[in-house]
């Protein structure tokens, strides 16, 4: 079964040592984003996939292969769930127990759905975020601007590359020397500095010359923020955080009071004391950010649960009105700093644009280059009749795909990501399928997306943090999305508890769709991809988002049979 072979390829890419964070532990990214819980599960899944036909479906419960079940060619070849725990028991303590006994697992997003393509995905998202921040807060100025963040171990390793592509000066703190030097060897970090005074002096030089560089700081981000706060000269304009705070007490965040090695030891020997160190460190970090904010720093939460965990630590991260009223984000309060969704990405999602990606199963660079050319041609054509807001998104992503080759972002499989809307995704899939059919691309293409998308994720502190009608804590959209993708021809679908902001905080799902050049593949792609975006547009429109209302009205004109309830 060719579809099953493509799934096998995607699993192996998720665990490729060039791609995965801890491949020997079956963890792809985020510190605990698991593909499987043990190697026996891996072996069984690969055996089933190697034997199955197109009239069978593999069912996977949190890494455990339940088995092959009779189905039909239009049914998914695999249906995957991760972490689907009864809500009242979806706690971190239960996760640790369930994971240890292999009855559930934290699949992150694209780790447990076999759709990770290395850090390229978050390079794109972070690049768009930095550029959007510059447009929103700095009048579009980017040369000589300093962007500071933390984390280089997993997906966060994309930050220095994104800073260079955006054209600013990027500083990323990392306590793990192995992780930092890995990014340096890859060419994603230009310079490594391990002393704060040397770093500050280097920033003065780069700001004066307006030269774009990516710097890896070997040390704790809290030390760095506190040093910036003490300087008379304001040396940083933009800031965020990409430590793995979805897992703060399991190694995702190293407190400033401990070295990296001390932190790993205390995590095992005295978890309660380690937790206190983490929370004290978060409070120090917030205090430094407050001081810098008063001098002009623009900071945002990058969806890693920084603001949530800082709140739980007792740090003052609420806005003034919420603090005075005694409100928390759970009961109508608001944070003083926005999430990146609230600041810029939510507007993009509400236009229907989100992270569409594809993998050339041949593994040939020339096939990926051909798909880049096809994508650029498709976008140029779509721009001719797009509205002005959509045209701007097409233009940004056209530039991205045209420059993708020279930016050398492929790690592992020959894959690409760009942001596209409903019409664009359907057009890309149709063009790719045709290219496989006529031989311009030598083997099938797997189309997919990040779960972090228009419709794929319900997450009140991230993807749906800009939904203000009271439904931000509901998960109907993500669940319906997975069900709808399965019913409309996805090759495989996944539905997860957890991802990005942590276990119990989010429901999300994804898919894989094999484009093998057949008419059946084209039919499935058109049906499934239209639903996969329109679902989220309809929900965001009903919540009162003007961009979503504009876009879903256009989709109702374009798609036969689409009739959405409007406010």
Protein backbone atom coordinates (compact mmCIF):
# COMPACT_ATOMS: atom_id res chain seq x y z
CA UNK A 1 0.00 0.00 0.00
CA UNK A 2 1.69 3.22 -1.19
CA UNK A 3 -0.24 5.34 1.30
CA UNK A 4 1.06 3.21 4.17
CA UNK A 5 4.60 3.49 2.80
CA UNK A 6 4.30 7.28 2.98
CA UNK A 7 3.22 7.08 6.61
CA UNK A 8 6.27 4.91 7.35
CA UNK A 9 8.51 7.52 5.74
CA UNK A 10 6.98 10.29 7.86
CA UNK A 11 7.46 8.28 11.07
CA UNK A 12 11.10 7.67 10.23
CA UNK A 13 11.61 11.36 9.52
CA UNK A 14 10.12 12.25 12.92
CA UNK A 15 12.77 10.04 14.51
CA UNK A 16 15.70 10.94 12.24
CA UNK A 17 18.62 11.95 14.45
CA UNK A 18 19.01 15.14 12.39
CA UNK A 19 15.41 16.05 13.17
CA UNK A 20 14.38 14.59 16.53
CA UNK A 21 15.38 16.11 19.84
CA UNK A 22 15.80 12.74 21.64
CA UNK A 23 15.40 10.09 18.92
CA UNK A 24 16.56 7.22 21.15
CA UNK A 25 13.66 8.07 23.50
CA UNK A 26 11.18 8.44 20.60
CA UNK A 27 10.80 12.16 21.36
CA UNK A 28 10.70 14.50 18.39
CA UNK A 29 10.56 17.97 19.98
CA UNK A 30 9.43 20.03 22.96
CA UNK A 31 11.22 17.88 25.53
CA UNK A 32 8.43 15.30 25.71
CA UNK A 33 6.67 15.29 22.34
CA UNK A 34 6.46 11.55 21.74
CA UNK A 35 5.94 9.56 18.56
CA UNK A 36 5.59 6.36 20.60
CA UNK A 37 6.09 5.40 24.24
CA UNK A 38 8.40 2.47 23.56
CA UNK A 39 10.21 0.74 20.72
CA UNK A 40 7.86 -2.24 20.75
CA UNK A 41 5.06 0.09 19.66
CA UNK A 42 7.27 1.43 16.89
CA UNK A 43 8.06 -2.08 15.64
CA UNK A 44 4.41 -3.16 15.66
CA UNK A 45 3.20 -0.04 13.87
CA UNK A 46 5.85 -0.40 11.17
CA UNK A 47 4.96 -4.07 10.72
CA UNK A 48 1.25 -3.30 10.36
CA UNK A 49 1.96 -0.52 7.86
CA UNK A 50 4.22 -2.78 5.81
CA UNK A 51 1.48 -5.44 5.58
CA UNK A 52 -1.75 -3.45 5.25
CA UNK A 53 -3.89 -2.96 2.15
CA UNK A 54 -6.01 -0.01 1.04
CA UNK A 55 -9.02 -1.74 2.57
CA UNK A 56 -7.67 -1.56 6.11
CA UNK A 57 -7.21 1.20 8.70
CA UNK A 58 -4.56 1.16 11.43
CA UNK A 59 -5.86 2.44 14.78
CA UNK A 60 -3.31 3.88 17.21
CA UNK A 61 -4.15 4.76 20.82
CA UNK A 62 -1.44 7.09 22.23
CA UNK A 63 1.34 5.16 20.53
CA UNK A 64 -0.26 1.73 21.07
CA UNK A 65 -1.24 0.01 17.80
CA UNK A 66 -4.68 -1.42 18.47
CA UNK A 67 -4.52 -3.22 15.15
CA UNK A 68 -5.73 -3.23 11.54
CA UNK A 69 -9.47 -2.96 10.95
CA UNK A 70 -11.43 -3.49 7.72
CA UNK A 71 -12.39 -0.25 5.94
CA UNK A 72 -12.38 1.02 2.33
CA UNK A 73 -10.04 2.95 -0.02
CA UNK A 74 -11.50 6.37 0.84
CA UNK A 75 -11.16 5.78 4.59
CA UNK A 76 -8.04 6.95 6.42
CA UNK A 77 -5.19 4.46 6.40
CA UNK A 78 -4.46 5.44 10.02
CA UNK A 79 -6.40 7.10 12.82
CA UNK A 80 -4.28 8.32 15.73
CA UNK A 81 -5.22 9.71 19.12
CA UNK A 82 -2.84 10.97 21.78
CA UNK A 83 -3.62 11.85 25.38
CA UNK A 84 -7.40 11.52 25.10
CA UNK A 85 -7.96 11.49 28.86
CA UNK A 86 -11.26 12.14 30.65
CA UNK A 87 -11.18 15.92 31.41
CA UNK A 88 -11.27 15.68 35.22
CA UNK A 89 -8.20 13.42 35.11
CA UNK A 90 -6.19 15.37 32.54
CA UNK A 91 -3.57 16.53 35.04
CA UNK A 92 0.21 16.53 34.89
CA UNK A 93 0.41 14.00 37.71
CA UNK A 94 -1.87 11.64 35.79
CA UNK A 95 0.13 12.20 32.61
CA UNK A 96 3.37 11.15 34.31
CA UNK A 97 1.71 7.98 35.60
CA UNK A 98 0.01 7.13 32.32
CA UNK A 99 3.13 7.80 30.29
CA UNK A 100 5.23 5.60 32.59
CA UNK A 101 2.76 2.74 32.15
CA UNK A 102 2.40 3.33 28.37
CA UNK A 103 -1.36 3.83 28.46
CA UNK A 104 -1.22 7.44 27.22
CA UNK A 105 1.34 9.88 25.92
CA UNK A 106 1.99 13.53 25.13
CA UNK A 107 2.17 13.72 21.35
CA UNK A 108 2.81 17.47 21.25
CA UNK A 109 1.40 18.44 17.87
CA UNK A 110 3.21 17.03 14.85
CA UNK A 111 5.32 14.57 16.85
CA UNK A 112 2.48 12.17 17.59
CA UNK A 113 0.80 12.74 14.23
CA UNK A 114 3.95 11.90 12.21
CA UNK A 115 4.02 15.28 10.43
CA UNK A 116 7.05 17.09 11.83
CA UNK A 117 9.41 18.58 9.23
CA UNK A 118 12.16 19.85 11.49
CA UNK A 119 12.45 23.44 12.65
CA UNK A 120 11.59 24.87 9.22
CA UNK A 121 7.96 25.24 10.26
CA UNK A 122 8.66 27.46 13.21
CA UNK A 123 11.33 29.36 11.25
CA UNK A 124 8.53 30.55 9.00
CA UNK A 125 6.16 31.37 11.86
CA UNK A 126 8.83 33.19 13.85
CA UNK A 127 9.97 35.14 10.79
CA UNK A 128 6.38 36.27 10.16
CA UNK A 129 6.01 37.17 13.86
CA UNK A 130 9.20 39.28 13.96
CA UNK A 131 8.30 41.11 10.75
CA UNK A 132 4.74 41.67 11.98
CA UNK A 133 6.04 43.02 15.30
CA UNK A 134 8.30 45.45 13.47
CA UNK A 135 5.42 46.65 11.30
CA UNK A 136 3.05 47.00 14.24
CA UNK A 137 5.33 48.58 16.84
CA UNK A 138 8.42 49.94 15.07
CA UNK A 139 6.97 51.45 11.92
CA UNK A 140 8.43 48.64 9.85
CA UNK A 141 12.00 49.31 10.99
CA UNK A 142 13.99 46.06 11.21
CA UNK A 143 17.67 46.86 10.48
CA UNK A 144 19.61 47.22 13.71
CA UNK A 145 16.65 46.00 15.78
CA UNK A 146 17.50 43.50 18.54
CA UNK A 147 15.17 40.55 19.17
CA UNK A 148 15.90 38.53 22.33
CA UNK A 149 14.45 35.16 23.28
CA UNK A 150 15.48 31.82 24.75
CA UNK A 151 15.64 28.13 23.87
CA UNK A 152 17.60 26.35 21.13
CA UNK A 153 16.89 22.70 21.93
CA UNK A 154 13.91 21.72 19.80
CA UNK A 155 11.57 23.83 17.72
CA UNK A 156 12.92 26.92 19.48
CA UNK A 157 16.17 26.34 17.58
CA UNK A 158 14.49 28.11 14.68
CA UNK A 159 14.73 31.53 16.32
CA UNK A 160 18.24 32.56 15.19
CA UNK A 161 17.51 31.51 11.60
CA UNK A 162 14.26 33.48 11.64
CA UNK A 163 16.04 36.57 12.94
CA UNK A 164 18.52 36.44 10.06
CA UNK A 165 15.82 35.96 7.44
CA UNK A 166 13.81 38.84 8.94
CA UNK A 167 16.95 41.00 8.87
CA UNK A 168 17.32 41.91 12.55
CA UNK A 169 19.88 41.08 15.25
CA UNK A 170 18.80 37.92 17.07
CA UNK A 171 19.99 36.89 20.53
CA UNK A 172 18.87 33.50 21.82
CA UNK A 173 19.86 32.28 25.29
CA UNK A 174 20.46 28.56 25.86
CA UNK A 175 21.79 26.79 28.97
CA UNK A 176 22.59 23.49 27.21
CA UNK A 177 25.93 23.84 25.44
CA UNK A 178 25.26 20.76 23.29
CA UNK A 179 22.02 22.25 21.94
CA UNK A 180 23.62 25.63 21.27
CA UNK A 181 26.66 24.26 19.47
CA UNK A 182 24.46 21.92 17.42
CA UNK A 183 22.69 24.98 16.01
CA UNK A 184 26.07 26.66 15.49
CA UNK A 185 27.35 23.68 13.50
CA UNK A 186 24.17 23.73 11.42
CA UNK A 187 24.86 27.34 10.54
CA UNK A 188 21.69 28.62 12.21
CA UNK A 189 23.65 30.46 14.93
CA UNK A 190 26.35 32.77 13.58
CA UNK A 191 28.21 33.53 16.81
CA UNK A 192 28.41 32.03 20.31
CA UNK A 193 29.07 34.30 23.31
CA UNK A 194 29.16 33.09 26.92
CA UNK A 195 29.76 36.35 28.85
CA UNK A 196 27.16 39.09 29.30
CA UNK A 197 29.59 42.04 29.00
CA UNK A 198 30.98 40.67 25.74
CA UNK A 199 27.47 40.18 24.43
CA UNK A 200 26.39 43.72 25.27
CA UNK A 201 29.49 45.15 23.58
CA UNK A 202 28.84 43.04 20.47
CA UNK A 203 25.24 44.31 20.32
CA UNK A 204 26.45 47.91 20.40
CA UNK A 205 28.69 47.17 17.41
CA UNK A 206 25.92 45.47 15.43
CA UNK A 207 23.35 48.14 16.21
CA UNK A 208 25.76 50.81 14.97
CA UNK A 209 26.48 48.93 11.71
CA UNK A 210 22.88 47.67 11.34
CA UNK A 211 24.31 44.28 10.42
CA UNK A 212 22.02 41.28 10.83
CA UNK A 213 23.51 38.46 12.92
CA UNK A 214 22.26 35.60 15.04
CA UNK A 215 23.98 35.20 18.40
CA UNK A 216 23.67 32.27 20.75
CA UNK A 217 24.20 33.26 24.37
CA UNK A 218 25.41 30.34 26.49
CA UNK A 219 23.67 31.14 29.74
CA UNK A 220 20.33 31.72 31.41
CA UNK A 221 17.81 34.09 29.85
CA UNK A 222 16.98 35.60 33.27
CA UNK A 223 20.58 36.75 33.72
CA UNK A 224 20.38 38.32 30.28
CA UNK A 225 17.09 40.18 30.87
CA UNK A 226 18.37 41.46 34.21
CA UNK A 227 21.57 42.71 32.55
CA UNK A 228 19.57 44.55 29.89
CA UNK A 229 17.43 46.12 32.63
CA UNK A 230 20.55 47.48 34.42
CA UNK A 231 22.06 49.06 31.30
CA UNK A 232 21.61 52.80 30.85
CA UNK A 233 21.36 52.35 27.09
CA UNK A 234 18.28 50.50 25.83
CA UNK A 235 19.74 47.67 23.76
CA UNK A 236 16.67 45.57 22.92
CA UNK A 237 13.41 46.41 21.14
CA UNK A 238 11.63 43.06 20.78
CA UNK A 239 11.43 40.02 23.06
CA UNK A 240 9.74 36.68 23.57
CA UNK A 241 10.41 33.27 25.11
CA UNK A 242 10.49 29.76 23.64
CA UNK A 243 11.61 27.62 26.55
CA UNK A 244 9.48 24.48 26.99
CA UNK A 245 7.24 25.91 29.69
CA UNK A 246 4.48 23.49 28.77
CA UNK A 247 6.69 21.16 30.85
CA UNK A 248 8.18 23.55 33.44
CA UNK A 249 8.92 21.05 36.19
CA UNK A 250 10.04 18.22 33.93
CA UNK A 251 13.12 19.86 32.44
CA UNK A 252 11.53 22.35 30.07
CA UNK A 253 12.83 25.39 31.96
CA UNK A 254 16.14 25.81 33.78
CA UNK A 255 15.90 28.20 36.76
CA UNK A 256 18.46 30.96 36.97
CA UNK A 257 19.54 29.89 40.46
CA UNK A 258 20.88 26.55 39.16
CA UNK A 259 23.33 25.47 36.50
CA UNK A 260 22.04 23.18 33.77
CA UNK A 261 23.67 20.15 35.43
CA UNK A 262 22.41 21.12 38.91
CA UNK A 263 18.94 21.55 37.46
CA UNK A 264 18.92 18.05 35.96
CA UNK A 265 20.07 16.55 39.26
CA UNK A 266 17.55 18.40 41.44
CA UNK A 267 14.76 17.51 39.04
CA UNK A 268 15.30 13.87 40.03
CA UNK A 269 16.45 14.24 43.64
CA UNK A 270 14.08 16.91 44.96
CA UNK A 271 11.22 17.74 42.53
CA UNK A 272 9.39 19.95 45.06
CA UNK A 273 12.45 22.14 45.62
CA UNK A 274 13.08 22.24 41.88
CA UNK A 275 9.54 23.53 41.33
CA UNK A 276 10.16 26.34 43.80
CA UNK A 277 13.36 27.31 41.99
CA UNK A 278 11.49 27.41 38.67
CA UNK A 279 8.73 29.63 40.03
CA UNK A 280 11.19 31.98 41.75
CA UNK A 281 13.10 32.24 38.46
CA UNK A 282 9.94 33.09 36.53
CA UNK A 283 9.18 35.88 38.99
CA UNK A 284 12.67 37.33 38.50
CA UNK A 285 12.25 37.11 34.74
CA UNK A 286 8.94 38.98 34.87
CA UNK A 287 10.40 41.68 37.14
CA UNK A 288 13.17 42.37 34.62
CA UNK A 289 10.67 42.43 31.75
CA UNK A 290 8.54 44.98 33.64
CA UNK A 291 11.50 47.32 33.91
CA UNK A 292 12.33 46.96 30.22
CA UNK A 293 8.71 47.37 29.18
CA UNK A 294 8.67 50.79 30.85
CA UNK A 295 11.60 51.76 28.62
CA UNK A 296 9.98 50.58 25.39
CA UNK A 297 10.48 46.80 25.11
CA UNK A 298 7.74 45.04 23.17
CA UNK A 299 7.31 41.51 24.52
CA UNK A 300 4.94 38.73 23.51
CA UNK A 301 4.17 35.20 24.65
CA UNK A 302 5.11 32.77 21.89
CA UNK A 303 2.56 30.14 22.89
CA UNK A 304 4.87 28.17 25.19
CA UNK A 305 2.75 28.83 28.33
CA UNK A 306 5.14 31.50 29.63
CA UNK A 307 2.34 33.79 30.85
CA UNK A 308 0.29 30.90 32.24
CA UNK A 309 3.18 29.48 34.25
CA UNK A 310 4.33 32.93 35.38
CA UNK A 311 0.80 33.52 36.71
CA UNK A 312 0.86 30.21 38.57
CA UNK A 313 4.25 31.16 40.00
CA UNK A 314 2.75 34.33 41.48
CA UNK A 315 4.36 36.80 39.07
CA UNK A 316 2.44 39.94 38.14
CA UNK A 317 1.62 39.40 34.48
CA UNK A 318 -1.97 40.70 34.49
CA UNK A 319 -2.89 44.03 32.96
CA UNK A 320 -3.71 46.90 35.28
CA UNK A 321 -7.49 46.64 34.98
CA UNK A 322 -7.51 42.89 35.71
CA UNK A 323 -5.21 43.34 38.71
CA UNK A 324 -7.44 46.03 40.22
CA UNK A 325 -10.59 43.98 39.65
CA UNK A 326 -9.03 40.78 41.01
CA UNK A 327 -9.67 38.95 37.73
CA UNK A 328 -7.59 36.10 36.32
CA UNK A 329 -7.42 35.00 32.67
CA UNK A 330 -9.71 32.09 33.58
CA UNK A 331 -12.54 34.43 34.63
CA UNK A 332 -12.36 37.37 32.25
CA UNK A 333 -9.00 38.92 33.12
CA UNK A 334 -6.25 39.72 30.63
CA UNK A 335 -2.47 39.47 30.54
CA UNK A 336 -0.36 42.63 30.29
CA UNK A 337 1.51 41.18 27.31
CA UNK A 338 -0.22 39.66 24.28
CA UNK A 339 0.22 36.20 22.90
CA UNK A 340 1.60 36.23 19.38
CA UNK A 341 -1.85 35.13 18.23
CA UNK A 342 -3.45 38.20 19.77
CA UNK A 343 -0.68 40.47 18.52
CA UNK A 344 -0.44 39.38 14.89
CA UNK A 345 -0.98 35.72 13.98
CA UNK A 346 -4.70 35.71 14.81
CA UNK A 347 -5.35 38.26 12.07
CA UNK A 348 -3.54 35.99 9.63
CA UNK A 349 -5.48 32.88 10.71
CA UNK A 350 -8.76 34.78 10.40
CA UNK A 351 -7.97 35.47 6.76
CA UNK A 352 -7.71 31.69 6.34
CA UNK A 353 -3.91 31.66 6.02
CA UNK A 354 -1.96 29.10 8.01
CA UNK A 355 0.94 26.64 7.86
CA UNK A 356 0.44 24.35 4.86
CA UNK A 357 3.37 22.00 4.24
CA UNK A 358 4.44 19.19 1.98
CA UNK A 359 7.08 16.45 1.84
CA UNK A 360 8.59 14.96 -1.33
CA UNK A 361 8.68 11.24 -0.57
CA UNK A 362 11.41 10.65 -3.15
CA UNK A 363 13.88 12.46 -0.91
CA UNK A 364 15.22 14.25 -3.99
CA UNK A 365 16.20 17.90 -3.75
CA UNK A 366 15.22 18.46 -7.37
CA UNK A 367 11.65 17.38 -6.59
CA UNK A 368 11.42 19.94 -3.81
CA UNK A 369 12.82 22.61 -6.11
CA UNK A 370 10.15 21.77 -8.66
CA UNK A 371 7.40 22.08 -6.04
CA UNK A 372 8.80 25.47 -5.00
CA UNK A 373 8.51 26.67 -8.60
CA UNK A 374 4.97 25.30 -8.85
CA UNK A 375 3.96 26.97 -5.59
CA UNK A 376 5.35 30.32 -6.73
CA UNK A 377 3.44 30.05 -10.01
CA UNK A 378 0.19 29.17 -8.21
CA UNK A 379 0.53 32.13 -5.83
CA UNK A 380 1.26 34.60 -8.62
CA UNK A 381 -1.93 33.51 -10.33
CA UNK A 382 -4.05 33.68 -7.16
CA UNK A 383 -2.77 37.17 -6.33
CA UNK A 384 -4.40 38.52 -9.49
CA UNK A 385 -7.93 38.26 -8.02
CA UNK A 386 -7.24 38.28 -4.26
CA UNK A 387 -8.56 41.02 -1.96
CA UNK A 388 -5.95 43.44 -0.63
CA UNK A 389 -5.52 41.70 2.74
CA UNK A 390 -5.09 38.29 1.15
CA UNK A 391 -2.79 39.76 -1.51
CA UNK A 392 -0.40 40.92 1.22
CA UNK A 393 -0.24 37.41 2.67
CA UNK A 394 0.33 35.87 -0.75
CA UNK A 395 3.15 38.37 -1.38
CA UNK A 396 4.92 37.55 1.91
CA UNK A 397 4.73 33.83 1.23
CA UNK A 398 5.70 34.16 -2.43
CA UNK A 399 8.89 35.87 -1.27
CA UNK A 400 9.37 33.10 1.31
CA UNK A 401 9.12 30.22 -1.16
CA UNK A 402 11.22 31.97 -3.81
CA UNK A 403 14.04 32.42 -1.27
CA UNK A 404 13.58 29.08 0.51
CA UNK A 405 16.35 27.31 -1.39
CA UNK A 406 19.06 29.85 -0.57
CA UNK A 407 18.02 29.93 3.10
CA UNK A 408 18.79 26.18 3.33
CA UNK A 409 16.06 25.24 5.77
CA UNK A 410 15.69 21.54 4.95
CA UNK A 411 16.53 19.29 7.89
CA UNK A 412 15.68 15.63 7.31
CA UNK A 413 13.06 15.08 4.63
CA UNK A 414 12.76 17.27 1.53
CA UNK A 415 9.94 19.41 2.89
CA UNK A 416 8.58 22.90 2.57
CA UNK A 417 6.15 25.09 4.50
CA UNK A 418 4.34 28.27 3.62
CA UNK A 419 1.17 30.00 4.76
CA UNK A 420 -1.83 29.64 2.47
CA UNK A 421 -5.59 29.99 2.58
CA UNK A 422 -8.35 27.61 1.56
CA UNK A 423 -8.24 28.42 -2.14
CA UNK A 424 -4.45 28.37 -2.19
CA UNK A 425 -4.10 25.02 -0.45
CA UNK A 426 -6.56 23.37 -2.82
CA UNK A 427 -4.76 24.90 -5.82
CA UNK A 428 -1.34 23.81 -4.54
CA UNK A 429 -2.54 20.25 -3.92
CA UNK A 430 -4.10 20.03 -7.38
CA UNK A 431 -0.92 21.34 -9.02
CA UNK A 432 1.31 18.99 -7.03
CA UNK A 433 -0.90 16.00 -7.84
CA UNK A 434 -0.72 16.88 -11.53
CA UNK A 435 3.08 17.18 -11.32
CA UNK A 436 3.31 13.67 -9.85
CA UNK A 437 1.00 12.39 -12.57
CA UNK A 438 3.02 13.86 -15.46
CA UNK A 439 6.41 12.98 -13.96
CA UNK A 440 7.74 16.47 -13.18
CA UNK A 441 7.88 15.21 -9.58
CA UNK A 442 9.21 11.67 -9.40
CA UNK A 443 7.23 10.24 -6.45
CA UNK A 444 4.14 10.99 -4.34
CA UNK A 445 3.93 14.12 -2.20
CA UNK A 446 2.54 14.16 1.33
CA UNK A 447 0.52 17.31 2.02
CA UNK A 448 -0.02 18.27 5.63
CA UNK A 449 -0.03 21.22 8.01
CA UNK A 450 0.92 22.17 11.52
CA UNK A 451 -1.86 21.58 14.06
CA UNK A 452 -1.25 25.24 14.93
CA UNK A 453 -3.58 26.51 12.23
CA UNK A 454 -6.88 28.17 11.34
CA UNK A 455 -9.06 25.23 12.42
CA UNK A 456 -6.77 22.60 13.92
CA UNK A 457 -6.37 23.78 17.50
CA UNK A 458 -8.51 24.97 20.40
CA UNK A 459 -6.11 26.58 22.86
CA UNK A 460 -7.36 29.52 24.97
CA UNK A 461 -3.85 30.81 25.69
CA UNK A 462 -2.57 30.43 22.15
CA UNK A 463 -4.43 29.61 18.91
CA UNK A 464 -7.85 30.74 20.14
CA UNK A 465 -6.64 33.44 22.52
CA UNK A 466 -8.15 36.04 20.17
CA UNK A 467 -11.64 34.44 20.29
CA UNK A 468 -13.61 36.72 22.59
CA UNK A 469 -17.19 35.43 22.49
CA UNK A 470 -16.73 33.15 25.53
CA UNK A 471 -15.95 30.01 23.52
CA UNK A 472 -12.15 30.12 23.86
CA UNK A 473 -12.19 27.25 26.39
CA UNK A 474 -14.29 24.95 24.20
CA UNK A 475 -12.83 22.33 21.87
CA UNK A 476 -15.59 21.65 19.34
CA UNK A 477 -13.61 23.15 16.45
CA UNK A 478 -10.55 20.92 16.78
CA UNK A 479 -12.58 17.75 17.34
CA UNK A 480 -14.92 18.50 14.45
CA UNK A 481 -11.91 19.25 12.27
CA UNK A 482 -10.37 15.83 12.79
CA UNK A 483 -13.72 14.10 12.24
CA UNK A 484 -14.35 16.11 9.08
CA UNK A 485 -10.89 15.42 7.66
CA UNK A 486 -11.38 11.69 8.21
CA UNK A 487 -14.75 11.79 6.45
CA UNK A 488 -13.42 13.73 3.46
CA UNK A 489 -10.41 11.68 2.38
CA UNK A 490 -7.38 12.32 4.61
CA UNK A 491 -4.80 9.55 4.39
CA UNK A 492 -4.36 9.73 8.15
CA UNK A 493 -5.77 11.90 10.93
CA UNK A 494 -4.71 12.60 14.50
CA UNK A 495 -6.40 14.18 17.52
CA UNK A 496 -4.38 15.20 20.58
CA UNK A 497 -4.75 16.47 24.11
CA UNK A 498 -1.79 18.76 24.76
CA UNK A 499 0.61 20.48 22.42
CA UNK A 500 2.48 23.75 22.70
CA UNK A 501 1.05 25.06 25.97
CA UNK A 502 0.82 21.69 27.69
CA UNK A 503 -1.25 18.73 28.78
CA UNK A 504 -4.85 19.58 29.66
CA UNK A 505 -4.53 23.06 28.15
CA UNK A 506 -5.34 22.37 24.48
CA UNK A 507 -7.04 20.00 22.02
CA UNK A 508 -5.55 19.84 18.53
CA UNK A 509 -5.43 17.69 15.46
CA UNK A 510 -3.72 17.20 12.13
CA UNK A 511 -3.67 15.11 8.99
CA UNK A 512 -1.54 13.64 6.24
CA UNK A 513 -2.74 13.49 2.63
CA UNK A 514 -0.89 11.49 -0.02
CA UNK A 515 -0.91 13.03 -3.51
CA UNK A 516 0.02 10.18 -5.81
CA UNK A 517 -1.05 11.62 -9.16
CA UNK A 518 -4.38 9.79 -9.30
CA UNK A 519 -7.82 11.27 -9.85
CA UNK A 520 -8.88 9.83 -6.48
CA UNK A 521 -6.12 11.77 -4.71
CA UNK A 522 -7.20 14.97 -6.44
CA UNK A 523 -10.83 14.45 -5.45
CA UNK A 524 -9.96 13.79 -1.81
CA UNK A 525 -7.67 16.80 -1.64
CA UNK A 526 -10.28 19.21 -2.97
CA UNK A 527 -12.93 18.00 -0.54
CA UNK A 528 -10.76 17.71 2.56
CA UNK A 529 -8.66 20.85 2.24
CA UNK A 530 -11.71 23.06 1.74
CA UNK A 531 -13.26 21.80 4.97
CA UNK A 532 -9.99 21.91 6.86
CA UNK A 533 -9.87 25.73 6.60
CA UNK A 534 -13.56 26.70 6.29
CA UNK A 535 -14.37 25.10 9.63
CA UNK A 536 -12.15 27.52 11.55
CA UNK A 537 -13.19 30.50 9.44
CA UNK A 538 -16.85 29.82 10.25
CA UNK A 539 -16.12 29.56 13.98
CA UNK A 540 -14.02 32.75 14.02
CA UNK A 541 -16.65 34.56 11.97
CA UNK A 542 -19.38 33.61 14.43
CA UNK A 543 -17.15 34.90 17.25
CA UNK A 544 -17.20 38.33 15.58
CA UNK A 545 -13.83 38.49 13.80
CA UNK A 546 -14.08 40.90 10.86
CA UNK A 547 -11.33 39.22 8.79
CA UNK A 548 -13.02 35.84 9.18
CA UNK A 549 -16.41 37.30 8.21
CA UNK A 550 -14.90 38.81 5.07
CA UNK A 551 -13.13 35.59 4.14
CA UNK A 552 -15.96 33.14 4.83
CA UNK A 553 -18.31 35.25 2.69
CA UNK A 554 -15.82 35.00 -0.17
CA UNK A 555 -15.57 31.23 0.38
CA UNK A 556 -19.37 30.86 0.21
CA UNK A 557 -19.23 32.54 -3.20
CA UNK A 558 -16.38 30.28 -4.32
CA UNK A 559 -17.45 26.90 -2.91
CA UNK A 560 -20.64 25.21 -4.11
CA UNK A 561 -22.68 23.91 -1.20
CA UNK A 562 -21.03 26.02 1.52
CA UNK A 563 -23.64 27.81 3.65
CA UNK A 564 -22.34 29.20 6.95
CA UNK A 565 -24.33 30.72 9.81
CA UNK A 566 -23.32 34.39 9.97
CA UNK A 567 -23.71 36.74 12.97
